[in-house]
PDB file of N, CA and C in Angstrom:
ATOM      1  N   MET A   1      -6.206 -14.695   8.710  1.00  0.00           N
ATOM      2  CA  MET A   1      -5.649 -15.915   8.208  1.00  0.00           C
ATOM      3  C   MET A   1      -4.793 -16.485   9.070  1.00  0.00           C
ATOM      4  N   ALA A   2      -4.966 -17.797   9.173  1.00  0.00           N
ATOM      5  CA  ALA A   2      -4.270 -18.737  10.232  1.00  0.00           C
ATOM      6  C   ALA A   2      -3.122 -19.312   9.551  1.00  0.00           C
ATOM      7  N   PRO A   3      -2.105 -19.509  10.132  1.00  0.00           N
ATOM      8  CA  PRO A   3      -0.879 -20.158   9.518  1.00  0.00           C
ATOM      9  C   PRO A   3      -1.409 -21.519   8.976  1.00  0.00           C
ATOM     10  N   ILE A   4      -2.447 -22.161   9.473  1.00  0.00           N
ATOM     11  CA  ILE A   4      -2.821 -23.458   8.902  1.00  0.00           C
ATOM     12  C   ILE A   4      -3.376 -23.343   7.498  1.00  0.00           C
ATOM     13  N   ASN A   5      -4.014 -22.143   7.318  1.00  0.00           N
ATOM     14  CA  ASN A   5      -4.512 -21.917   5.854  1.00  0.00           C
ATOM     15  C   ASN A   5      -3.439 -21.751   4.994  1.00  0.00           C
ATOM     16  N   LEU A   6      -2.280 -20.979   5.234  1.00  0.00           N
ATOM     17  CA  LEU A   6      -1.133 -20.936   4.374  1.00  0.00           C
ATOM     18  C   LEU A   6      -0.546 -22.359   4.113  1.00  0.00           C
ATOM     19  N   VAL A   7      -0.415 -23.214   5.242  1.00  0.00           N
ATOM     20  CA  VAL A   7       0.051 -24.470   5.150  1.00  0.00           C
ATOM     21  C   VAL A   7      -0.573 -25.258   3.988  1.00  0.00           C
ATOM     22  N   LEU A   8      -1.930 -25.254   4.074  1.00  0.00           N
ATOM     23  CA  LEU A   8      -2.822 -25.886   3.178  1.00  0.00           C
ATOM     24  C   LEU A   8      -2.783 -25.471   1.904  1.00  0.00           C
ATOM     25  N   TRP A   9      -2.664 -24.174   1.660  1.00  0.00           N
ATOM     26  CA  TRP A   9      -2.581 -23.615   0.332  1.00  0.00           C
ATOM     27  C   TRP A   9      -1.289 -24.112  -0.313  1.00  0.00           C
ATOM     28  N   ILE A  10      -0.325 -23.935   0.347  1.00  0.00           N
ATOM     29  CA  ILE A  10       1.107 -24.186  -0.191  1.00  0.00           C
ATOM     30  C   ILE A  10       1.182 -25.675  -0.462  1.00  0.00           C
ATOM     31  N   ALA A  11       0.836 -26.481   0.601  1.00  0.00           N
ATOM     32  CA  ALA A  11       0.945 -28.029   0.203  1.00  0.00           C
ATOM     33  C   ALA A  11      -0.253 -28.495  -1.036  1.00  0.00           C
ATOM     34  N   GLY A  12      -1.232 -27.731  -1.173  1.00  0.00           N
ATOM     35  CA  GLY A  12      -2.348 -28.102  -2.026  1.00  0.00           C
ATOM     36  C   GLY A  12      -1.692 -27.683  -3.482  1.00  0.00           C
ATOM     37  N   ILE A  13      -0.912 -26.383  -3.472  1.00  0.00           N
ATOM     38  CA  ILE A  13      -0.500 -25.915  -4.792  1.00  0.00           C
ATOM     39  C   ILE A  13       0.703 -26.778  -5.198  1.00  0.00           C
ATOM     40  N   ALA A  14       1.549 -27.340  -4.117  1.00  0.00           N
ATOM     41  CA  ALA A  14       2.539 -28.231  -4.341  1.00  0.00           C
ATOM     42  C   ALA A  14       2.179 -29.610  -5.006  1.00  0.00           C
ATOM     43  N   LEU A  15       1.137 -29.866  -4.520  1.00  0.00           N
ATOM     44  CA  LEU A  15       0.510 -31.376  -4.851  1.00  0.00           C
ATOM     45  C   LEU A  15       0.005 -31.319  -6.118  1.00  0.00           C
ATOM     46  N   ILE A  16      -0.892 -30.204  -6.679  1.00  0.00           N
ATOM     47  CA  ILE A  16      -1.342 -29.902  -7.837  1.00  0.00           C
ATOM     48  C   ILE A  16      -0.097 -29.956  -8.971  1.00  0.00           C
ATOM     49  N   ALA A  17       0.922 -29.145  -8.570  1.00  0.00           N
ATOM     50  CA  ALA A  17       2.001 -29.121  -9.600  1.00  0.00           C
ATOM     51  C   ALA A  17       2.583 -30.490  -9.620  1.00  0.00           C
ATOM     52  N   LEU A  18       2.803 -31.298  -8.680  1.00  0.00           N
ATOM     53  CA  LEU A  18       3.416 -32.667  -8.621  1.00  0.00           C
ATOM     54  C   LEU A  18       2.405 -33.467  -9.582  1.00  0.00           C
ATOM     55  N   GLY A  19       1.353 -33.482  -9.321  1.00  0.00           N
ATOM     56  CA  GLY A  19       0.421 -34.312 -10.100  1.00  0.00           C
ATOM     57  C   GLY A  19       0.098 -34.094 -11.307  1.00  0.00           C
ATOM     58  N   TYR A  20       0.287 -32.827 -11.777  1.00  0.00           N
ATOM     59  CA  TYR A  20       0.282 -32.552 -13.164  1.00  0.00           C
ATOM     60  C   TYR A  20       1.415 -32.862 -13.881  1.00  0.00           C
ATOM     61  N   THR A  21       2.639 -32.937 -13.260  1.00  0.00           N
ATOM     62  CA  THR A  21       3.870 -33.232 -14.022  1.00  0.00           C
ATOM     63  C   THR A  21       4.011 -34.864 -14.039  1.00  0.00           C
ATOM     64  N   ARG A  22       3.327 -35.449 -13.071  1.00  0.00           N
ATOM     65  CA  ARG A  22       3.421 -36.931 -13.131  1.00  0.00           C
ATOM     66  C   ARG A  22       2.403 -37.534 -14.096  1.00  0.00           C
ATOM     67  N   ALA A  23       1.483 -36.822 -14.256  1.00  0.00           N
ATOM     68  CA  ALA A  23       0.343 -37.132 -15.331  1.00  0.00           C
ATOM     69  C   ALA A  23       0.446 -36.862 -16.679  1.00  0.00           C
ATOM     70  N   ARG A  24       0.996 -35.873 -16.892  1.00  0.00           N
ATOM     71  CA  ARG A  24       1.245 -35.096 -18.274  1.00  0.00           C
ATOM     72  C   ARG A  24       1.865 -36.076 -19.355  1.00  0.00           C
ATOM     73  N   ALA A  25       2.996 -36.566 -18.895  1.00  0.00           N
ATOM     74  CA  ALA A  25       3.692 -37.633 -19.999  1.00  0.00           C
ATOM     75  C   ALA A  25       3.235 -38.828 -20.163  1.00  0.00           C
ATOM     76  N   PRO A  26       2.751 -39.663 -19.168  1.00  0.00           N
ATOM     77  CA  PRO A  26       2.153 -40.926 -19.354  1.00  0.00           C
ATOM     78  C   PRO A  26       0.737 -40.658 -20.191  1.00  0.00           C
ATOM     79  N   TRP A  27       0.096 -39.597 -19.918  1.00  0.00           N
ATOM     80  CA  TRP A  27      -1.250 -39.483 -20.725  1.00  0.00           C
ATOM     81  C   TRP A  27      -0.909 -39.183 -22.253  1.00  0.00           C
ATOM     82  N   SER A  28       0.082 -38.320 -22.522  1.00  0.00           N
ATOM     83  CA  SER A  28       0.314 -38.238 -24.014  1.00  0.00           C
ATOM     84  C   SER A  28       0.995 -39.397 -24.652  1.00  0.00           C
ATOM     85  N   ARG A  29       1.695 -40.114 -24.006  1.00  0.00           N
ATOM     86  CA  ARG A  29       2.248 -41.377 -24.299  1.00  0.00           C
ATOM     87  C   ARG A  29       1.062 -42.468 -24.811  1.00  0.00           C
ATOM     88  N   TYR A  30       0.130 -42.380 -23.613  1.00  0.00           N
ATOM     89  CA  TYR A  30      -1.110 -43.377 -23.639  1.00  0.00           C
ATOM     90  C   TYR A  30      -1.862 -43.039 -24.989  1.00  0.00           C
ATOM     91  N   LEU A  31      -2.241 -41.742 -25.267  1.00  0.00           N
ATOM     92  CA  LEU A  31      -2.981 -41.430 -26.399  1.00  0.00           C
ATOM     93  C   LEU A  31      -2.240 -41.593 -27.680  1.00  0.00           C
ATOM     94  N   ALA A  32      -0.953 -41.432 -27.714  1.00  0.00           N
ATOM     95  CA  ALA A  32      -0.166 -41.900 -29.095  1.00  0.00           C
ATOM     96  C   ALA A  32      -0.280 -43.442 -29.320  1.00  0.00           C
ATOM     97  N   LEU A  33      -0.090 -44.196 -28.156  1.00  0.00           N
ATOM     98  CA  LEU A  33      -0.288 -45.766 -28.227  1.00  0.00           C
ATOM     99  C   LEU A  33      -1.581 -46.085 -28.770  1.00  0.00           C
ATOM    100  N   LYS A  34      -2.597 -45.401 -28.209  1.00  0.00           N
ATOM    101  CA  LYS A  34      -3.881 -45.856 -28.352  1.00  0.00           C
ATOM    102  C   LYS A  34      -4.207 -45.507 -29.958  1.00  0.00           C
ATOM    103  N   ASP A  35      -3.872 -44.286 -30.382  1.00  0.00           N
ATOM    104  CA  ASP A  35      -3.877 -44.085 -31.859  1.00  0.00           C
ATOM    105  C   ASP A  35      -3.256 -45.044 -32.743  1.00  0.00           C
ATOM    106  N   GLN A  36      -1.945 -45.481 -32.329  1.00  0.00           N
ATOM    107  CA  GLN A  36      -1.335 -46.393 -33.042  1.00  0.00           C
ATOM    108  C   GLN A  36      -2.273 -47.710 -33.076  1.00  0.00           C
ATOM    109  N   ASP A  37      -2.579 -48.255 -31.973  1.00  0.00           N
ATOM    110  CA  ASP A  37      -3.395 -49.369 -31.964  1.00  0.00           C
ATOM    111  C   ASP A  37      -4.728 -49.319 -32.731  1.00  0.00           C
ATOM    112  N   SER A  38      -5.332 -48.261 -32.797  1.00  0.00           N
ATOM    113  CA  SER A  38      -6.547 -47.992 -33.537  1.00  0.00           C
ATOM    114  C   SER A  38      -6.082 -47.957 -35.195  1.00  0.00           C
ATOM    115  N   ASN A  39      -4.864 -47.491 -35.478  1.00  0.00           N
ATOM    116  CA  ASN A  39      -4.639 -47.498 -36.974  1.00  0.00           C
ATOM    117  C   ASN A  39      -4.259 -49.087 -37.197  1.00  0.00           C
ATOM    118  N   GLU A  40      -3.754 -49.866 -36.403  1.00  0.00           N
ATOM    119  CA  GLU A  40      -3.366 -51.261 -36.550  1.00  0.00           C
ATOM    120  C   GLU A  40      -4.676 -52.013 -36.725  1.00  0.00           C
ATOM    121  N   GLN A  41      -5.483 -51.773 -35.944  1.00  0.00           N
ATOM    122  CA  GLN A  41      -6.813 -52.388 -36.238  1.00  0.00           C
ATOM    123  C   GLN A  41      -7.564 -52.163 -37.422  1.00  0.00           C
ATOM    124  N   ARG A  42      -7.546 -50.880 -37.757  1.00  0.00           N
ATOM    125  CA  ARG A  42      -7.970 -50.557 -39.078  1.00  0.00           C
ATOM    126  C   ARG A  42      -7.398 -51.387 -40.316  1.00  0.00           C
ATOM    127  N   TYR A  43      -6.045 -51.461 -40.137  1.00  0.00           N
ATOM    128  CA  TYR A  43      -5.274 -52.034 -41.180  1.00  0.00           C
ATOM    129  C   TYR A  43      -5.584 -53.557 -41.049  1.00  0.00           C
ATOM    130  N   ALA A  44      -5.574 -54.248 -39.927  1.00  0.00           N
ATOM    131  CA  ALA A  44      -5.671 -55.522 -40.088  1.00  0.00           C
ATOM    132  C   ALA A  44      -7.274 -55.883 -40.500  1.00  0.00           C
ATOM    133  N   ALA A  45      -8.448 -54.824 -40.223  1.00  0.00           N
ATOM    134  CA  ALA A  45      -9.748 -55.079 -40.800  1.00  0.00           C
ATOM    135  C   ALA A  45      -9.458 -54.852 -42.463  1.00  0.00           C
ATOM    136  N   TRP A  46      -8.744 -54.218 -42.905  1.00  0.00           N
ATOM    137  CA  TRP A  46      -8.669 -53.892 -44.360  1.00  0.00           C
ATOM    138  C   TRP A  46      -8.088 -54.918 -45.074  1.00  0.00           C
ATOM    139  N   ARG A  47      -7.086 -55.381 -44.310  1.00  0.00           N
ATOM    140  CA  ARG A  47      -6.184 -56.732 -44.879  1.00  0.00           C
ATOM    141  C   ARG A  47      -7.111 -57.882 -44.778  1.00  0.00           C
ATOM    142  N   GLY A  48      -8.163 -57.982 -43.814  1.00  0.00           N
ATOM    143  CA  GLY A  48      -8.659 -59.258 -43.660  1.00  0.00           C
ATOM    144  C   GLY A  48      -8.173 -60.288 -42.863  1.00  0.00           C
ATOM    145  N   GLY A  49      -7.016 -60.009 -42.172  1.00  0.00           N
ATOM    146  CA  GLY A  49      -6.199 -60.898 -41.327  1.00  0.00           C
ATOM    147  C   GLY A  49      -7.057 -61.177 -40.076  1.00  0.00           C
ATOM    148  N   VAL A  50      -6.686 -62.315 -39.454  1.00  0.00           N
ATOM    149  CA  VAL A  50      -6.975 -62.724 -38.179  1.00  0.00           C
ATOM    150  C   VAL A  50      -6.272 -62.022 -37.089  1.00  0.00           C
ATOM    151  N   ARG A  51      -6.923 -61.316 -36.139  1.00  0.00           N
ATOM    152  CA  ARG A  51      -6.312 -60.765 -34.977  1.00  0.00           C
ATOM    153  C   ARG A  51      -6.564 -61.348 -33.815  1.00  0.00           C
ATOM    154  N   GLU A  52      -5.340 -61.587 -33.182  1.00  0.00           N
ATOM    155  CA  GLU A  52      -5.394 -62.368 -31.885  1.00  0.00           C
ATOM    156  C   GLU A  52      -5.945 -61.611 -30.742  1.00  0.00           C
ATOM    157  N   THR A  53      -6.569 -62.248 -29.798  1.00  0.00           N
ATOM    158  CA  THR A  53      -7.334 -61.438 -28.928  1.00  0.00           C
ATOM    159  C   THR A  53      -6.699 -61.407 -27.642  1.00  0.00           C
ATOM    160  N   GLY A  54      -5.631 -61.897 -27.474  1.00  0.00           N
ATOM    161  CA  GLY A  54      -4.721 -61.869 -26.393  1.00  0.00           C
ATOM    162  C   GLY A  54      -4.111 -60.484 -26.049  1.00  0.00           C
ATOM    163  N   PRO A  55      -3.619 -60.257 -24.725  1.00  0.00           N
ATOM    164  CA  PRO A  55      -2.833 -59.186 -24.493  1.00  0.00           C
ATOM    165  C   PRO A  55      -1.590 -58.881 -25.493  1.00  0.00           C
ATOM    166  N   THR A  56      -1.357 -57.645 -25.999  1.00  0.00           N
ATOM    167  CA  THR A  56      -0.082 -57.392 -26.950  1.00  0.00           C
ATOM    168  C   THR A  56       0.806 -56.608 -25.777  1.00  0.00           C
ATOM    169  N   GLY A  57       1.874 -56.184 -26.330  1.00  0.00           N
ATOM    170  CA  GLY A  57       2.738 -55.377 -25.661  1.00  0.00           C
ATOM    171  C   GLY A  57       2.305 -54.173 -25.418  1.00  0.00           C
ATOM    172  N   ALA A  58       1.699 -53.463 -26.679  1.00  0.00           N
ATOM    173  CA  ALA A  58       1.094 -52.156 -26.563  1.00  0.00           C
ATOM    174  C   ALA A  58      -0.029 -52.000 -25.497  1.00  0.00           C
ATOM    175  N   SER A  59      -0.949 -53.194 -25.518  1.00  0.00           N
ATOM    176  CA  SER A  59      -1.976 -52.981 -24.557  1.00  0.00           C
ATOM    177  C   SER A  59      -1.614 -52.996 -22.945  1.00  0.00           C
ATOM    178  N   VAL A  60      -0.532 -53.716 -22.862  1.00  0.00           N
ATOM    179  CA  VAL A  60       0.035 -53.903 -21.448  1.00  0.00           C
ATOM    180  C   VAL A  60       0.701 -52.656 -21.247  1.00  0.00           C
ATOM    181  N   ALA A  61       1.448 -52.018 -22.083  1.00  0.00           N
ATOM    182  CA  ALA A  61       1.895 -50.511 -21.963  1.00  0.00           C
ATOM    183  C   ALA A  61       0.828 -49.720 -21.801  1.00  0.00           C
ATOM    184  N   MET A  62      -0.031 -49.775 -22.489  1.00  0.00           N
ATOM    185  CA  MET A  62      -1.366 -48.769 -22.419  1.00  0.00           C
ATOM    186  C   MET A  62      -1.912 -48.777 -20.833  1.00  0.00           C
ATOM    187  N   GLU A  63      -2.012 -49.881 -20.324  1.00  0.00           N
ATOM    188  CA  GLU A  63      -2.436 -50.223 -19.047  1.00  0.00           C
ATOM    189  C   GLU A  63      -1.526 -49.482 -18.027  1.00  0.00           C
ATOM    190  N   VAL A  64      -0.296 -49.832 -18.269  1.00  0.00           N
ATOM    191  CA  VAL A  64       0.763 -49.352 -17.301  1.00  0.00           C
ATOM    192  C   VAL A  64       0.667 -47.580 -17.365  1.00  0.00           C
ATOM    193  N   LEU A  65       0.572 -47.141 -18.419  1.00  0.00           N
ATOM    194  CA  LEU A  65       0.418 -45.669 -18.622  1.00  0.00           C
ATOM    195  C   LEU A  65      -0.742 -45.044 -17.966  1.00  0.00           C
ATOM    196  N   ARG A  66      -1.957 -45.750 -18.117  1.00  0.00           N
ATOM    197  CA  ARG A  66      -3.164 -45.270 -17.765  1.00  0.00           C
ATOM    198  C   ARG A  66      -3.254 -45.446 -16.420  1.00  0.00           C
ATOM    199  N   ARG A  67      -2.438 -46.286 -15.655  1.00  0.00           N
ATOM    200  CA  ARG A  67      -2.488 -46.381 -14.256  1.00  0.00           C
ATOM    201  C   ARG A  67      -1.497 -45.241 -13.640  1.00  0.00           C
ATOM    202  N   GLN A  68      -0.452 -45.055 -14.393  1.00  0.00           N
ATOM    203  CA  GLN A  68       0.371 -43.764 -14.048  1.00  0.00           C
ATOM    204  C   GLN A  68      -0.182 -42.523 -13.981  1.00  0.00           C
ATOM    205  N   TRP A  69      -1.050 -42.377 -15.259  1.00  0.00           N
ATOM    206  CA  TRP A  69      -1.944 -41.044 -15.211  1.00  0.00           C
ATOM    207  C   TRP A  69      -2.943 -40.971 -13.910  1.00  0.00           C
ATOM    208  N   GLN A  70      -3.533 -42.100 -13.722  1.00  0.00           N
ATOM    209  CA  GLN A  70      -4.534 -42.025 -12.651  1.00  0.00           C
ATOM    210  C   GLN A  70      -3.951 -41.527 -11.394  1.00  0.00           C
ATOM    211  N   VAL A  71      -2.585 -42.463 -11.176  1.00  0.00           N
ATOM    212  CA  VAL A  71      -1.831 -41.835  -9.863  1.00  0.00           C
ATOM    213  C   VAL A  71      -1.622 -40.293  -9.799  1.00  0.00           C
ATOM    214  N   GLY A  72      -1.152 -39.729 -10.900  1.00  0.00           N
ATOM    215  CA  GLY A  72      -0.765 -38.235 -10.892  1.00  0.00           C
ATOM    216  C   GLY A  72      -1.899 -37.471 -10.873  1.00  0.00           C
ATOM    217  N   ALA A  73      -3.156 -37.921 -11.540  1.00  0.00           N
ATOM    218  CA  ALA A  73      -4.442 -37.297 -11.214  1.00  0.00           C
ATOM    219  C   ALA A  73      -5.034 -37.220  -9.898  1.00  0.00           C
ATOM    220  N   ALA A  74      -4.773 -38.526  -9.153  1.00  0.00           N
ATOM    221  CA  ALA A  74      -5.238 -38.463  -7.991  1.00  0.00           C
ATOM    222  C   ALA A  74      -4.372 -37.639  -6.904  1.00  0.00           C
ATOM    223  N   ILE A  75      -3.209 -37.431  -7.320  1.00  0.00           N
ATOM    224  CA  ILE A  75      -2.449 -36.464  -6.369  1.00  0.00           C
ATOM    225  C   ILE A  75      -2.990 -35.112  -6.602  1.00  0.00           C
ATOM    226  N   ALA A  76      -3.194 -34.818  -7.908  1.00  0.00           N
ATOM    227  CA  ALA A  76      -3.539 -33.467  -8.088  1.00  0.00           C
ATOM    228  C   ALA A  76      -5.077 -33.261  -7.302  1.00  0.00           C
ATOM    229  N   VAL A  77      -5.802 -34.082  -7.499  1.00  0.00           N
ATOM    230  CA  VAL A  77      -7.148 -34.093  -6.763  1.00  0.00           C
ATOM    231  C   VAL A  77      -6.867 -33.664  -5.270  1.00  0.00           C
ATOM    232  N   VAL A  78      -5.972 -34.599  -4.720  1.00  0.00           N
ATOM    233  CA  VAL A  78      -5.757 -34.235  -3.286  1.00  0.00           C
ATOM    234  C   VAL A  78      -5.267 -32.753  -3.230  1.00  0.00           C
ATOM    235  N   GLY A  79      -4.503 -32.293  -3.830  1.00  0.00           N
ATOM    236  CA  GLY A  79      -4.091 -30.791  -4.011  1.00  0.00           C
ATOM    237  C   GLY A  79      -5.104 -29.930  -4.067  1.00  0.00           C
ATOM    238  N   ILE A  80      -6.024 -30.187  -4.684  1.00  0.00           N
ATOM    239  CA  ILE A  80      -7.362 -29.339  -4.852  1.00  0.00           C
ATOM    240  C   ILE A  80      -8.102 -29.414  -3.768  1.00  0.00           C
ATOM    241  N   VAL A  81      -8.330 -30.598  -3.084  1.00  0.00           N
ATOM    242  CA  VAL A  81      -8.859 -30.741  -1.833  1.00  0.00           C
ATOM    243  C   VAL A  81      -8.270 -29.876  -0.812  1.00  0.00           C
ATOM    244  N   LEU A  82      -7.001 -30.024  -0.593  1.00  0.00           N
ATOM    245  CA  LEU A  82      -6.095 -29.215   0.310  1.00  0.00           C
ATOM    246  C   LEU A  82      -6.349 -27.730   0.157  1.00  0.00           C
ATOM    247  N   VAL A  83      -6.402 -27.249  -1.207  1.00  0.00           N
ATOM    248  CA  VAL A  83      -6.412 -25.757  -1.400  1.00  0.00           C
ATOM    249  C   VAL A  83      -8.004 -25.549  -0.702  1.00  0.00           C
ATOM    250  N   ILE A  84      -8.894 -26.215  -1.324  1.00  0.00           N
ATOM    251  CA  ILE A  84     -10.209 -25.856  -0.803  1.00  0.00           C
ATOM    252  C   ILE A  84     -10.660 -25.860   0.689  1.00  0.00           C
ATOM    253  N   ALA A  85      -9.767 -26.813   1.356  1.00  0.00           N
ATOM    254  CA  ALA A  85      -9.722 -27.151   2.798  1.00  0.00           C
ATOM    255  C   ALA A  85      -9.008 -25.831   3.471  1.00  0.00           C
ATOM    256  N   GLY A  86      -8.259 -25.282   2.661  1.00  0.00           N
ATOM    257  CA  GLY A  86      -7.391 -24.030   3.336  1.00  0.00           C
ATOM    258  C   GLY A  86      -8.294 -22.820   3.279  1.00  0.00           C
ATOM    259  N   PHE A  87      -9.388 -22.878   2.512  1.00  0.00           N
ATOM    260  CA  PHE A  87     -10.354 -21.708   2.453  1.00  0.00           C
ATOM    261  C   PHE A  87     -11.379 -21.857   3.435  1.00  0.00           C
ATOM    262  N   VAL A  88     -11.806 -23.184   3.790  1.00  0.00           N
ATOM    263  CA  VAL A  88     -12.844 -23.654   4.622  1.00  0.00           C
ATOM    264  C   VAL A  88     -12.286 -23.490   6.104  1.00  0.00           C
ATOM    265  N   VAL A  89     -11.123 -23.798   6.432  1.00  0.00           N
ATOM    266  CA  VAL A  89     -10.635 -23.920   7.924  1.00  0.00           C
ATOM    267  C   VAL A  89     -10.527 -22.513   8.315  1.00  0.00           C
ATOM    268  N   LYS A  90     -10.834 -22.236   9.485  1.00  0.00           N
ATOM    269  CA  LYS A  90     -10.665 -20.830  10.204  1.00  0.00           C
ATOM    270  C   LYS A  90      -9.581 -20.782  11.242  1.00  0.00           C
TER     271      LYS A  90
END
């Protein structure tokens, strides 16, 4: 086992942990906002009101949260690649 393997494993595990912690909170909040939006859509359909098609504050927040989740997931994927590279490099 070369020192580079150890460095790659440690860096990969650190990036996986960082990515997970950065992606967990925005993803759970995104799902909650998505549920609230679907409830509002059902209520508007039941009520028979006209719904505006423009962006709402919730849709903008969902887009921001989705982007934060994607960044966290990308960091975790880079960590996984580093861990795999630690096994491949000799």
